[in-house]
C-alpha atoms as a PDB file:
ATOM      1  CA  MET A   1      30.439  12.497  70.632  1.00  0.00           C
ATOM      2  CA  THR A   2      32.628  13.250  67.632  1.00  0.00           C
ATOM      3  CA  PHE A   3      33.887  16.757  67.027  1.00  0.00           C
ATOM      4  CA  PRO A   4      35.924  18.356  64.235  1.00  0.00           C
ATOM      5  CA  ARG A   5      39.645  18.787  64.796  1.00  0.00           C
ATOM      6  CA  ILE A   6      40.649  21.423  67.300  1.00  0.00           C
ATOM      7  CA  ALA A   7      41.272  24.731  65.562  1.00  0.00           C
ATOM      8  CA  THR A   8      44.600  26.530  65.688  1.00  0.00           C
ATOM      9  CA  VAL A   9      45.024  29.781  67.570  1.00  0.00           C
ATOM     10  CA  VAL A  10      44.702  33.007  65.649  1.00  0.00           C
ATOM     11  CA  LEU A  11      44.940  35.363  68.640  1.00  0.00           C
ATOM     12  CA  SER A  12      46.534  34.661  71.989  1.00  0.00           C
ATOM     13  CA  LEU A  13      44.564  33.765  75.103  1.00  0.00           C
ATOM     14  CA  LEU A  14      43.796  36.725  77.324  1.00  0.00           C
ATOM     15  CA  ILE A  15      43.090  36.124  80.988  1.00  0.00           C
ATOM     16  CA  LEU A  16      41.348  39.336  81.936  1.00  0.00           C
ATOM     17  CA  SER A  17      40.719  38.884  85.627  1.00  0.00           C
ATOM     18  CA  SER A  18      42.824  35.897  86.694  1.00  0.00           C
ATOM     19  CA  GLY A  19      46.257  37.431  86.110  1.00  0.00           C
ATOM     20  CA  PRO A  20      48.543  37.627  83.088  1.00  0.00           C
ATOM     21  CA  SER A  21      49.022  34.830  80.583  1.00  0.00           C
ATOM     22  CA  SER A  22      51.914  33.969  78.318  1.00  0.00           C
ATOM     23  CA  ALA A  23      51.507  34.703  74.613  1.00  0.00           C
ATOM     24  CA  ASP A  24      50.470  32.176  72.001  1.00  0.00           C
ATOM     25  CA  GLU A  25      48.911  29.704  74.390  1.00  0.00           C
ATOM     26  CA  PRO A  26      46.937  27.007  72.570  1.00  0.00           C
ATOM     27  CA  PRO A  27      43.147  27.136  73.011  1.00  0.00           C
ATOM     28  CA  GLU A  28      43.116  23.601  74.389  1.00  0.00           C
ATOM     29  CA  ARG A  29      45.125  24.792  77.415  1.00  0.00           C
ATOM     30  CA  ARG A  30      43.284  23.839  80.590  1.00  0.00           C
ATOM     31  CA  ILE A  31      41.472  26.624  82.452  1.00  0.00           C
ATOM     32  CA  THR A  32      41.808  25.970  86.155  1.00  0.00           C
ATOM     33  CA  LYS A  33      40.491  29.098  87.839  1.00  0.00           C
ATOM     34  CA  ALA A  34      37.833  31.772  87.662  1.00  0.00           C
ATOM     35  CA  GLY A  35      38.172  34.657  85.261  1.00  0.00           C
ATOM     36  CA  ASP A  36      37.252  36.093  81.897  1.00  0.00           C
ATOM     37  CA  TYR A  37      38.970  34.647  78.848  1.00  0.00           C
ATOM     38  CA  SER A  38      39.007  35.575  75.165  1.00  0.00           C
ATOM     39  CA  PHE A  39      39.790  33.284  72.234  1.00  0.00           C
ATOM     40  CA  THR A  40      39.880  33.485  68.471  1.00  0.00           C
ATOM     41  CA  ILE A  41      39.944  30.297  66.431  1.00  0.00           C
ATOM     42  CA  GLU A  42      39.775  29.761  62.693  1.00  0.00           C
ATOM     43  CA  HIS A  43      36.815  27.933  61.210  1.00  0.00           C
ATOM     44  CA  ASP A  44      35.941  27.523  57.538  1.00  0.00           C
ATOM     45  CA  GLY A  45      38.569  30.077  56.588  1.00  0.00           C
ATOM     46  CA  LEU A  46      37.231  32.760  58.947  1.00  0.00           C
ATOM     47  CA  PRO A  47      38.550  34.026  62.298  1.00  0.00           C
ATOM     48  CA  ARG A  48      35.847  33.389  64.921  1.00  0.00           C
ATOM     49  CA  SER A  49      35.950  34.755  68.445  1.00  0.00           C
ATOM     50  CA  TYR A  50      34.303  34.019  71.766  1.00  0.00           C
ATOM     51  CA  LEU A  51      34.458  35.105  75.410  1.00  0.00           C
ATOM     52  CA  VAL A  52      34.382  32.695  78.341  1.00  0.00           C
ATOM     53  CA  HIS A  53      33.351  33.626  81.886  1.00  0.00           C
ATOM     54  CA  VAL A  54      34.339  31.127  84.578  1.00  0.00           C
ATOM     55  CA  PRO A  55      32.591  31.872  87.907  1.00  0.00           C
ATOM     56  CA  PRO A  56      34.240  32.112  91.326  1.00  0.00           C
ATOM     57  CA  GLY A  57      34.502  28.740  92.991  1.00  0.00           C
ATOM     58  CA  TYR A  58      35.003  26.843  89.741  1.00  0.00           C
ATOM     59  CA  ASP A  59      36.578  23.491  90.602  1.00  0.00           C
ATOM     60  CA  PRO A  60      38.375  21.669  87.753  1.00  0.00           C
ATOM     61  CA  GLY A  61      37.597  18.427  89.572  1.00  0.00           C
ATOM     62  CA  HIS A  62      33.859  19.051  89.423  1.00  0.00           C
ATOM     63  CA  ALA A  63      31.766  18.882  86.231  1.00  0.00           C
ATOM     64  CA  THR A  64      30.151  22.306  85.733  1.00  0.00           C
ATOM     65  CA  PRO A  65      27.094  23.379  83.666  1.00  0.00           C
ATOM     66  CA  LEU A  66      27.722  25.603  80.638  1.00  0.00           C
ATOM     67  CA  LEU A  67      25.501  28.170  78.920  1.00  0.00           C
ATOM     68  CA  VAL A  68      26.180  29.478  75.402  1.00  0.00           C
ATOM     69  CA  SER A  69      24.727  32.997  75.088  1.00  0.00           C
ATOM     70  CA  LEU A  70      24.232  34.391  71.571  1.00  0.00           C
ATOM     71  CA  HIS A  71      23.988  38.111  70.856  1.00  0.00           C
ATOM     72  CA  GLY A  72      21.352  39.716  68.665  1.00  0.00           C
ATOM     73  CA  GLY A  73      21.762  40.707  65.031  1.00  0.00           C
ATOM     74  CA  GLY A  74      23.940  43.790  64.622  1.00  0.00           C
ATOM     75  CA  ALA A  75      25.452  43.368  68.077  1.00  0.00           C
ATOM     76  CA  HIS A  76      28.580  41.502  69.203  1.00  0.00           C
ATOM     77  CA  MET A  77      29.874  39.251  71.981  1.00  0.00           C
ATOM     78  CA  GLN A  78      30.985  42.103  74.265  1.00  0.00           C
ATOM     79  CA  TYR A  79      27.502  43.575  74.182  1.00  0.00           C
ATOM     80  CA  GLN A  80      25.883  40.280  75.159  1.00  0.00           C
ATOM     81  CA  ALA A  81      28.478  39.899  77.933  1.00  0.00           C
ATOM     82  CA  ASN A  82      27.779  43.397  79.285  1.00  0.00           C
ATOM     83  CA  ASP A  83      26.384  42.644  82.722  1.00  0.00           C
ATOM     84  CA  ARG A  84      24.688  46.035  82.955  1.00  0.00           C
ATOM     85  CA  VAL A  85      22.571  45.094  79.941  1.00  0.00           C
ATOM     86  CA  TYR A  86      21.823  41.369  80.313  1.00  0.00           C
ATOM     87  CA  GLY A  87      23.039  40.408  83.804  1.00  0.00           C
ATOM     88  CA  GLN A  88      24.303  36.999  82.734  1.00  0.00           C
ATOM     89  CA  ILE A  89      27.723  37.351  84.357  1.00  0.00           C
ATOM     90  CA  SER A  90      26.058  38.034  87.714  1.00  0.00           C
ATOM     91  CA  LYS A  91      23.720  35.090  87.222  1.00  0.00           C
ATOM     92  CA  SER A  92      26.694  32.853  86.357  1.00  0.00           C
ATOM     93  CA  ASP A  93      28.481  33.920  89.533  1.00  0.00           C
ATOM     94  CA  ARG A  94      25.408  33.303  91.703  1.00  0.00           C
ATOM     95  CA  GLU A  95      24.553  29.898  90.233  1.00  0.00           C
ATOM     96  CA  GLY A  96      28.069  28.630  89.459  1.00  0.00           C
ATOM     97  CA  PHE A  97      27.746  27.898  85.733  1.00  0.00           C
ATOM     98  CA  ILE A  98      30.188  28.794  82.961  1.00  0.00           C
ATOM     99  CA  VAL A  99      28.849  31.196  80.332  1.00  0.00           C
ATOM    100  CA  VAL A 100      30.276  31.575  76.829  1.00  0.00           C
ATOM    101  CA  PHE A 101      29.606  34.490  74.479  1.00  0.00           C
ATOM    102  CA  PRO A 102      30.455  33.681  70.837  1.00  0.00           C
ATOM    103  CA  ASN A 103      30.669  36.363  68.149  1.00  0.00           C
ATOM    104  CA  GLY A 104      28.591  36.036  65.001  1.00  0.00           C
ATOM    105  CA  TYR A 105      29.891  36.663  61.503  1.00  0.00           C
ATOM    106  CA  SER A 106      31.069  40.228  60.917  1.00  0.00           C
ATOM    107  CA  ARG A 107      32.565  41.857  57.868  1.00  0.00           C
ATOM    108  CA  SER A 108      34.457  44.183  60.218  1.00  0.00           C
ATOM    109  CA  ALA A 109      37.774  43.322  61.872  1.00  0.00           C
ATOM    110  CA  SER A 110      36.290  44.702  65.104  1.00  0.00           C
ATOM    111  CA  GLY A 111      33.608  41.976  65.127  1.00  0.00           C
ATOM    112  CA  ARG A 112      30.867  44.581  65.433  1.00  0.00           C
ATOM    113  CA  LEU A 113      27.553  44.495  63.523  1.00  0.00           C
ATOM    114  CA  ALA A 114      27.632  40.697  63.576  1.00  0.00           C
ATOM    115  CA  THR A 115      24.839  38.333  62.531  1.00  0.00           C
ATOM    116  CA  TRP A 116      24.051  34.613  62.769  1.00  0.00           C
ATOM    117  CA  ASN A 117      23.029  32.270  59.962  1.00  0.00           C
ATOM    118  CA  ALA A 118      19.912  30.886  61.619  1.00  0.00           C
ATOM    119  CA  GLY A 119      18.391  29.501  58.422  1.00  0.00           C
ATOM    120  CA  ARG A 120      16.047  32.065  56.895  1.00  0.00           C
ATOM    121  CA  CYS A 121      17.674  34.852  58.883  1.00  0.00           C
ATOM    122  CA  CYS A 122      19.751  37.002  59.203  1.00  0.00           C
ATOM    123  CA  GLY A 123      21.770  39.469  57.116  1.00  0.00           C
ATOM    124  CA  PRO A 124      25.295  38.814  55.819  1.00  0.00           C
ATOM    125  CA  ALA A 125      25.715  35.563  57.787  1.00  0.00           C
ATOM    126  CA  ARG A 126      22.644  34.104  56.074  1.00  0.00           C
ATOM    127  CA  ASP A 127      23.449  35.571  52.675  1.00  0.00           C
ATOM    128  CA  ARG A 128      27.016  34.241  52.749  1.00  0.00           C
ATOM    129  CA  LYS A 129      25.807  30.893  54.162  1.00  0.00           C
ATOM    130  CA  VAL A 130      28.298  31.129  57.003  1.00  0.00           C
ATOM    131  CA  ASP A 131      28.835  27.822  58.833  1.00  0.00           C
ATOM    132  CA  ASP A 132      27.840  29.048  62.284  1.00  0.00           C
ATOM    133  CA  VAL A 133      26.824  25.583  63.453  1.00  0.00           C
ATOM    134  CA  GLY A 134      30.280  24.303  62.521  1.00  0.00           C
ATOM    135  CA  PHE A 135      31.873  27.192  64.403  1.00  0.00           C
ATOM    136  CA  ILE A 136      29.871  26.427  67.551  1.00  0.00           C
ATOM    137  CA  ARG A 137      30.804  22.739  67.256  1.00  0.00           C
ATOM    138  CA  GLU A 138      34.481  23.615  67.006  1.00  0.00           C
ATOM    139  CA  MET A 139      34.192  26.053  69.903  1.00  0.00           C
ATOM    140  CA  MET A 140      32.551  23.360  72.030  1.00  0.00           C
ATOM    141  CA  ALA A 141      35.309  20.902  71.111  1.00  0.00           C
ATOM    142  CA  THR A 142      37.872  23.356  72.455  1.00  0.00           C
ATOM    143  CA  LEU A 143      35.864  24.195  75.577  1.00  0.00           C
ATOM    144  CA  THR A 144      35.432  20.555  76.551  1.00  0.00           C
ATOM    145  CA  GLN A 145      39.229  20.213  76.535  1.00  0.00           C
ATOM    146  CA  GLN A 146      39.794  23.421  78.478  1.00  0.00           C
ATOM    147  CA  LEU A 147      37.165  22.984  81.181  1.00  0.00           C
ATOM    148  CA  ASN A 148      35.436  20.233  83.134  1.00  0.00           C
ATOM    149  CA  ILE A 149      31.975  20.648  81.616  1.00  0.00           C
ATOM    150  CA  ASP A 150      28.953  18.616  82.635  1.00  0.00           C
ATOM    151  CA  ARG A 151      27.942  17.115  79.268  1.00  0.00           C
ATOM    152  CA  GLN A 152      24.375  16.647  80.501  1.00  0.00           C
ATOM    153  CA  LYS A 153      24.032  20.344  81.349  1.00  0.00           C
ATOM    154  CA  ILE A 154      24.998  22.245  78.209  1.00  0.00           C
ATOM    155  CA  PHE A 155      22.428  24.890  77.280  1.00  0.00           C
ATOM    156  CA  ALA A 156      21.965  27.768  74.831  1.00  0.00           C
ATOM    157  CA  THR A 157      20.129  31.063  74.884  1.00  0.00           C
ATOM    158  CA  GLY A 158      20.145  34.131  72.683  1.00  0.00           C
ATOM    159  CA  MET A 159      18.531  37.460  71.992  1.00  0.00           C
ATOM    160  CA  SER A 160      16.638  38.055  68.718  1.00  0.00           C
ATOM    161  CA  ASN A 161      18.881  36.700  65.901  1.00  0.00           C
ATOM    162  CA  GLY A 162      20.760  34.896  68.676  1.00  0.00           C
ATOM    163  CA  GLY A 163      17.492  33.314  69.792  1.00  0.00           C
ATOM    164  CA  LEU A 164      16.835  32.199  66.227  1.00  0.00           C
ATOM    165  CA  MET A 165      20.328  30.675  66.194  1.00  0.00           C
ATOM    166  CA  ALA A 166      19.588  28.830  69.448  1.00  0.00           C
ATOM    167  CA  HIS A 167      16.678  27.132  67.657  1.00  0.00           C
ATOM    168  CA  ARG A 168      19.041  26.028  64.890  1.00  0.00           C
ATOM    169  CA  LEU A 169      21.540  24.654  67.423  1.00  0.00           C
ATOM    170  CA  ALA A 170      18.762  22.584  69.005  1.00  0.00           C
ATOM    171  CA  CYS A 171      17.884  21.238  65.566  1.00  0.00           C
ATOM    172  CA  GLU A 172      21.423  20.370  64.478  1.00  0.00           C
ATOM    173  CA  MET A 173      23.329  19.855  67.737  1.00  0.00           C
ATOM    174  CA  SER A 174      20.887  17.882  69.870  1.00  0.00           C
ATOM    175  CA  ASP A 175      23.841  15.628  70.706  1.00  0.00           C
ATOM    176  CA  THR A 176      25.319  18.593  72.601  1.00  0.00           C
ATOM    177  CA  PHE A 177      22.577  20.942  73.795  1.00  0.00           C
ATOM    178  CA  LYS A 178      20.082  19.570  76.280  1.00  0.00           C
ATOM    179  CA  ALA A 179      17.895  22.680  76.395  1.00  0.00           C
ATOM    180  CA  ILE A 180      17.570  26.111  74.830  1.00  0.00           C
ATOM    181  CA  ALA A 181      15.869  29.336  75.928  1.00  0.00           C
ATOM    182  CA  PRO A 182      15.479  31.753  72.994  1.00  0.00           C
ATOM    183  CA  VAL A 183      14.462  35.318  73.874  1.00  0.00           C
ATOM    184  CA  ALA A 184      12.591  37.315  71.201  1.00  0.00           C
ATOM    185  CA  GLY A 185      13.670  34.876  68.489  1.00  0.00           C
ATOM    186  CA  THR A 186      11.539  32.174  66.863  1.00  0.00           C
ATOM    187  CA  ASP A 187      12.249  29.009  64.849  1.00  0.00           C
ATOM    188  CA  ASN A 188      13.235  30.157  61.356  1.00  0.00           C
ATOM    189  CA  THR A 189      15.220  27.053  60.440  1.00  0.00           C
ATOM    190  CA  GLU A 190      14.960  25.705  56.907  1.00  0.00           C
ATOM    191  CA  ARG A 191      14.931  22.131  58.192  1.00  0.00           C
ATOM    192  CA  CYS A 192      14.969  20.564  61.619  1.00  0.00           C
ATOM    193  CA  ASP A 193      15.335  16.908  62.504  1.00  0.00           C
ATOM    194  CA  PRO A 194      16.966  16.622  65.934  1.00  0.00           C
ATOM    195  CA  LYS A 195      18.304  13.203  66.844  1.00  0.00           C
ATOM    196  CA  ASN A 196      17.471  13.680  70.513  1.00  0.00           C
ATOM    197  CA  PRO A 197      14.718  15.509  72.404  1.00  0.00           C
ATOM    198  CA  VAL A 198      15.729  19.056  73.370  1.00  0.00           C
ATOM    199  CA  SER A 199      13.864  21.047  76.012  1.00  0.00           C
ATOM    200  CA  VAL A 200      12.758  24.466  74.733  1.00  0.00           C
ATOM    201  CA  LEU A 201      11.722  27.568  76.669  1.00  0.00           C
ATOM    202  CA  GLN A 202      10.527  30.389  74.411  1.00  0.00           C
ATOM    203  CA  ILE A 203      10.483  33.843  76.051  1.00  0.00           C
ATOM    204  CA  HIS A 204       8.659  36.507  74.045  1.00  0.00           C
ATOM    205  CA  ALA A 205       6.794  39.778  74.466  1.00  0.00           C
ATOM    206  CA  ARG A 206       3.249  39.885  73.182  1.00  0.00           C
ATOM    207  CA  ASN A 207       3.951  43.305  71.642  1.00  0.00           C
ATOM    208  CA  ASP A 208       7.331  42.492  70.035  1.00  0.00           C
ATOM    209  CA  ASP A 209       7.666  44.962  67.150  1.00  0.00           C
ATOM    210  CA  HIS A 210      10.647  43.314  65.465  1.00  0.00           C
ATOM    211  CA  VAL A 211       9.891  39.572  65.662  1.00  0.00           C
ATOM    212  CA  PRO A 212       6.081  39.698  65.930  1.00  0.00           C
ATOM    213  CA  PHE A 213       4.355  37.228  68.232  1.00  0.00           C
ATOM    214  CA  GLU A 214       1.994  36.242  65.422  1.00  0.00           C
ATOM    215  CA  GLY A 215       4.772  36.096  62.793  1.00  0.00           C
ATOM    216  CA  GLY A 216       5.601  38.114  59.710  1.00  0.00           C
ATOM    217  CA  MET A 217       7.558  41.349  59.794  1.00  0.00           C
ATOM    218  CA  GLY A 218       7.152  44.004  62.448  1.00  0.00           C
ATOM    219  CA  PRO A 219       7.403  47.785  61.998  1.00  0.00           C
ATOM    220  CA  LYS A 220      10.951  47.694  63.377  1.00  0.00           C
ATOM    221  CA  SER A 221      12.137  44.834  61.143  1.00  0.00           C
ATOM    222  CA  LEU A 222      14.937  45.507  58.669  1.00  0.00           C
ATOM    223  CA  ALA A 223      13.712  43.918  55.440  1.00  0.00           C
ATOM    224  CA  ALA A 224      17.161  43.460  53.905  1.00  0.00           C
ATOM    225  CA  ALA A 225      18.521  41.686  56.959  1.00  0.00           C
ATOM    226  CA  VAL A 226      15.596  39.513  58.054  1.00  0.00           C
ATOM    227  CA  THR A 227      12.629  37.587  56.715  1.00  0.00           C
ATOM    228  CA  ASP A 228       8.985  36.909  57.499  1.00  0.00           C
ATOM    229  CA  PHE A 229       9.394  35.481  60.961  1.00  0.00           C
ATOM    230  CA  THR A 230       7.743  32.262  62.106  1.00  0.00           C
ATOM    231  CA  SER A 231       5.143  33.003  64.762  1.00  0.00           C
ATOM    232  CA  VAL A 232       5.619  32.088  68.388  1.00  0.00           C
ATOM    233  CA  PRO A 233       2.621  29.666  68.384  1.00  0.00           C
ATOM    234  CA  GLU A 234       3.988  27.881  65.293  1.00  0.00           C
ATOM    235  CA  SER A 235       7.469  27.641  66.811  1.00  0.00           C
ATOM    236  CA  ILE A 236       6.041  26.099  69.972  1.00  0.00           C
ATOM    237  CA  SER A 237       3.845  23.721  67.957  1.00  0.00           C
ATOM    238  CA  ARG A 238       6.891  22.475  66.025  1.00  0.00           C
ATOM    239  CA  TRP A 239       8.844  21.677  69.194  1.00  0.00           C
ATOM    240  CA  VAL A 240       5.844  20.041  70.851  1.00  0.00           C
ATOM    241  CA  ARG A 241       5.618  17.775  67.806  1.00  0.00           C
ATOM    242  CA  ARG A 242       9.364  17.098  67.574  1.00  0.00           C
ATOM    243  CA  ASN A 243       9.586  16.225  71.266  1.00  0.00           C
ATOM    244  CA  GLY A 244       6.390  14.178  71.347  1.00  0.00           C
ATOM    245  CA  CYS A 245       4.841  16.332  74.079  1.00  0.00           C
ATOM    246  CA  ASN A 246       1.338  16.489  75.456  1.00  0.00           C
ATOM    247  CA  THR A 247      -0.376  19.068  73.237  1.00  0.00           C
ATOM    248  CA  THR A 248      -2.435  20.599  76.071  1.00  0.00           C
ATOM    249  CA  PRO A 249      -0.431  23.200  77.992  1.00  0.00           C
ATOM    250  CA  LYS A 250      -0.514  23.740  81.741  1.00  0.00           C
ATOM    251  CA  ARG A 251      -0.261  27.239  83.200  1.00  0.00           C
ATOM    252  CA  VAL A 252       2.799  27.112  85.468  1.00  0.00           C
ATOM    253  CA  LEU A 253       3.234  30.835  86.196  1.00  0.00           C
ATOM    254  CA  GLU A 254       0.806  33.715  86.164  1.00  0.00           C
ATOM    255  CA  LYS A 255       1.488  37.170  87.532  1.00  0.00           C
ATOM    256  CA  PRO A 256       0.729  40.739  86.495  1.00  0.00           C
ATOM    257  CA  GLY A 257       2.347  41.311  83.126  1.00  0.00           C
ATOM    258  CA  ALA A 258       3.447  37.741  82.363  1.00  0.00           C
ATOM    259  CA  TYR A 259       2.509  34.077  82.228  1.00  0.00           C
ATOM    260  CA  CYS A 260       4.210  30.760  81.398  1.00  0.00           C
ATOM    261  CA  GLU A 261       2.681  27.573  79.972  1.00  0.00           C
ATOM    262  CA  ALA A 262       4.353  24.155  79.878  1.00  0.00           C
ATOM    263  CA  TYR A 263       3.793  21.219  77.529  1.00  0.00           C
ATOM    264  CA  SER A 264       4.674  17.939  79.206  1.00  0.00           C
ATOM    265  CA  PRO A 265       5.359  15.098  79.463  1.00  0.00           C
ATOM    266  CA  CYS A 266       7.608  14.799  76.412  1.00  0.00           C
ATOM    267  CA  ARG A 267       9.986  12.136  75.160  1.00  0.00           C
ATOM    268  CA  GLY A 268      13.297  11.821  76.977  1.00  0.00           C
ATOM    269  CA  ASN A 269      12.182  13.905  79.976  1.00  0.00           C
ATOM    270  CA  ALA A 270      12.140  17.006  77.759  1.00  0.00           C
ATOM    271  CA  GLU A 271       9.698  19.880  78.146  1.00  0.00           C
ATOM    272  CA  VAL A 272       8.461  22.728  75.989  1.00  0.00           C
ATOM    273  CA  GLU A 273       7.509  25.956  77.750  1.00  0.00           C
ATOM    274  CA  LEU A 274       6.367  29.393  76.634  1.00  0.00           C
ATOM    275  CA  CYS A 275       6.725  32.529  78.769  1.00  0.00           C
ATOM    276  CA  VAL A 276       4.946  35.646  77.507  1.00  0.00           C
ATOM    277  CA  THR A 277       5.244  39.215  78.770  1.00  0.00           C
ATOM    278  CA  ASP A 278       2.581  41.810  78.042  1.00  0.00           C
ATOM    279  CA  SER A 279       5.125  44.563  77.400  1.00  0.00           C
ATOM    280  CA  GLY A 280       8.784  45.121  76.612  1.00  0.00           C
ATOM    281  CA  ALA A 281       8.547  44.838  72.821  1.00  0.00           C
ATOM    282  CA  HIS A 282      11.808  43.475  71.370  1.00  0.00           C
ATOM    283  CA  SER A 283      13.842  43.182  74.576  1.00  0.00           C
ATOM    284  CA  TRP A 284      15.261  40.943  77.323  1.00  0.00           C
ATOM    285  CA  PRO A 285      12.833  40.669  80.268  1.00  0.00           C
ATOM    286  CA  GLY A 286      14.491  41.788  83.477  1.00  0.00           C
ATOM    287  CA  GLY A 287      17.214  43.590  81.542  1.00  0.00           C
ATOM    288  CA  THR A 288      18.227  47.160  82.196  1.00  0.00           C
ATOM    289  CA  LYS A 289      18.688  48.489  78.659  1.00  0.00           C
ATOM    290  CA  SER A 290      16.374  48.216  75.706  1.00  0.00           C
ATOM    291  CA  ARG A 291      17.094  47.763  72.000  1.00  0.00           C
ATOM    292  CA  ALA A 292      13.385  48.235  71.463  1.00  0.00           C
ATOM    293  CA  SER A 293      10.782  50.982  71.491  1.00  0.00           C
ATOM    294  CA  GLU A 294      10.076  50.603  75.213  1.00  0.00           C
ATOM    295  CA  PRO A 295      11.886  49.392  78.341  1.00  0.00           C
ATOM    296  CA  PRO A 296      12.179  45.651  78.997  1.00  0.00           C
ATOM    297  CA  SER A 297       9.398  44.041  80.994  1.00  0.00           C
ATOM    298  CA  GLN A 298      10.249  43.577  84.657  1.00  0.00           C
ATOM    299  CA  ALA A 299       7.382  41.125  85.248  1.00  0.00           C
ATOM    300  CA  ILE A 300       9.862  38.254  84.958  1.00  0.00           C
ATOM    301  CA  SER A 301      13.612  37.879  84.710  1.00  0.00           C
ATOM    302  CA  ALA A 302      14.658  35.957  81.593  1.00  0.00           C
ATOM    303  CA  ASN A 303      17.835  34.868  83.387  1.00  0.00           C
ATOM    304  CA  ASP A 304      15.970  33.502  86.398  1.00  0.00           C
ATOM    305  CA  VAL A 305      13.185  31.826  84.434  1.00  0.00           C
ATOM    306  CA  MET A 306      15.565  30.105  82.020  1.00  0.00           C
ATOM    307  CA  TRP A 307      17.953  28.854  84.684  1.00  0.00           C
ATOM    308  CA  ASP A 308      15.076  27.422  86.725  1.00  0.00           C
ATOM    309  CA  PHE A 309      13.862  25.735  83.528  1.00  0.00           C
ATOM    310  CA  PHE A 310      17.304  24.301  82.737  1.00  0.00           C
ATOM    311  CA  MET A 311      17.835  22.936  86.230  1.00  0.00           C
ATOM    312  CA  SER A 312      14.339  21.496  86.575  1.00  0.00           C
ATOM    313  CA  ARG A 313      14.852  19.141  83.618  1.00  0.00           C
ATOM    314  CA  HIS A 314      18.548  18.253  83.800  1.00  0.00           C
END
């Protein structure tokens, strides 16, 4: 795998729970113990930041899975990393994977109100044609020097605009990401020709009022920041075709308020799966706080469903 050159440090490394660190440490410095770390690198003339959570029990001698978790449009990396909202830190600690929270493009020095250039969406990142794929590539180049990452178990997820960005990463970084699990975000890429099969789990509420299940714009969509969204069925159809999957789905989970359907077999041991909740609107199933018009569905846990999906294929 060939990556761009390692970026230079813009801000010093902060070790938030593993003890103090010396100033101006290079981002390629090895991380050898559990903790929460913050980095800022420069890519394409812009400072770009990300948080890294390394779970207890991390062993530098053992290759460890890694999940890239992308915040929604108008949010920021600290919000996605807030365990009271999304619970991904707790899931990381229970399952022993590393989780990384990158920050999208923001016009503010604080990094707030950030968006991702996911193709036809969203906001300033799209309008400025920010190279978010290049940023993620450079971030991954640094991370693979800092940590012992299992290259066969690198995954991505995201909420809303972050879910849309996960689709783009699968399209353009299939050499890196083995599977993605977008939540409330469909495939709005302008082009997609992955070199390798990528497993895809789409998690979506039937009544999503921001990224509608059947596509278009919902009543909660911000016209200036978004677009007519691709429908969930069309997004699934595209990945079934790209991965060469069986076009007839099999119901693999059914419970009050939710179901999941899988399309397999696919090329390269990939799988495409769709999990639908009846309620929750534009939210993270199993979460505790809603950015939508109603509380998140508790019929399934997005964190549990996606991690089971990742581990079942890789």
